[in-house]
Protein backbone atom coordinates (compact mmCIF):
# COMPACT_ATOMS: atom_id res chain seq x y z
CA MET A 1 19.81 -16.24 -2.32
CA VAL A 2 17.19 -12.84 -2.13
CA ASP A 3 13.52 -14.01 -2.49
CA LYS A 4 11.92 -12.68 -5.46
CA MET A 5 8.83 -11.25 -3.25
CA GLU A 6 11.55 -9.45 -1.45
CA ARG A 7 12.88 -7.72 -4.05
CA GLN A 8 9.79 -6.75 -5.44
CA GLY A 9 7.57 -5.94 -2.46
CA ILE A 10 4.45 -7.08 -0.36
CA PRO A 11 1.17 -6.21 -1.49
CA LEU A 12 -0.17 -3.71 0.42
CA VAL A 13 -3.72 -6.14 1.00
CA ASP A 14 -1.20 -8.41 3.03
CA ILE A 15 0.09 -5.72 5.21
CA PRO A 16 -1.39 -6.51 9.14
CA PRO A 17 -3.17 -3.09 10.77
CA GLY A 18 -1.18 -1.24 13.26
CA GLN A 19 1.92 -1.71 10.80
CA LYS A 20 3.86 0.98 9.18
CA ALA A 21 4.92 0.04 5.80
CA ARG A 22 7.24 1.99 2.72
CA ILE A 23 5.60 1.97 -0.38
CA ILE A 24 8.61 0.58 -2.83
CA HIS A 25 6.26 -0.01 -5.91
CA ILE A 26 3.28 0.80 -7.72
CA VAL A 27 1.97 -1.78 -10.29
CA GLY A 28 -0.19 -0.16 -12.96
CA GLY A 29 -0.02 2.17 -15.85
CA VAL A 30 0.05 5.96 -15.89
CA GLY A 31 -3.47 6.80 -15.39
CA PHE A 32 -3.42 4.47 -12.21
CA LYS A 33 -0.48 6.35 -10.50
CA HIS A 34 -1.61 9.56 -11.73
CA ARG A 35 -4.80 8.64 -9.33
CA LEU A 36 -2.10 7.45 -6.37
CA ASN A 37 -0.30 10.55 -6.66
CA ILE A 38 -2.92 12.98 -6.13
CA MET A 39 -3.99 11.31 -2.58
CA GLY A 40 -0.57 11.29 -1.53
CA ILE A 41 0.10 7.51 -2.40
CA ILE A 42 3.91 7.59 -3.83
CA GLU A 43 7.00 5.56 -4.00
CA GLY A 44 8.91 5.95 -1.06
CA LYS A 45 6.16 7.16 1.30
CA ILE A 46 6.04 5.82 4.29
CA ILE A 47 1.85 4.90 5.31
CA LYS A 48 0.09 2.95 8.00
CA ILE A 49 -2.26 0.47 8.09
CA ILE A 50 -5.14 1.51 10.34
CA THR A 51 -8.15 -1.52 9.31
CA ARG A 52 -8.58 -4.17 6.98
CA GLN A 53 -11.91 -5.19 6.18
CA PRO A 54 -13.21 -8.62 5.58
CA PHE A 55 -14.42 -10.72 2.85
CA ARG A 56 -12.66 -8.50 0.27
CA GLY A 57 -13.71 -5.69 2.00
CA PRO A 58 -11.24 -2.00 2.13
CA ILE A 59 -8.82 -1.22 3.60
CA THR A 60 -8.03 2.00 5.91
CA ILE A 61 -4.38 3.78 5.81
CA LYS A 62 -3.06 6.70 7.12
CA VAL A 63 -0.80 8.67 4.66
CA ASN A 64 0.57 12.71 4.92
CA GLY A 65 -2.02 12.51 8.67
CA THR A 66 -4.67 11.54 6.85
CA SER A 67 -6.94 8.51 6.84
CA MET A 68 -8.29 7.30 3.68
CA THR A 69 -9.95 4.00 2.50
CA ILE A 70 -9.20 2.07 -0.83
CA GLY A 71 -10.18 -0.59 -2.52
CA ARG A 72 -8.50 -4.45 -1.73
CA GLY A 73 -7.87 -4.50 -6.07
CA MET A 74 -6.02 -1.28 -5.56
CA ALA A 75 -4.11 -2.07 -2.60
CA GLN A 76 -2.96 -5.47 -4.43
CA LYS A 77 -1.14 -3.46 -6.62
CA ILE A 78 0.94 -1.28 -4.12
CA LEU A 79 3.77 -3.03 -2.89
CA VAL A 80 5.89 -2.13 -0.19
CA GLU A 81 8.56 -3.33 2.48
CA VAL A 82 7.37 -3.44 6.20
CA VAL A 83 9.09 -0.39 8.77
CA LYS A 84 10.24 -1.42 12.08
């Protein structure tokens, strides 16, 4: 039996720094998805987690060779699968 979380993905916020992940689903409305799309954060894209700040701080990721920082709430809505 496939675990429910495996089918839906892992929130980006739970991936450790240094790990690569593929975006499999983005939870949110059209406006939120459009905002991420402008940043290059789209389903199917492979990203790398650079840092996770403690105490509910932001997360720095690398997308298309560009580093950017996103809020923890935003990262919670980006579901990924780990890429080896």
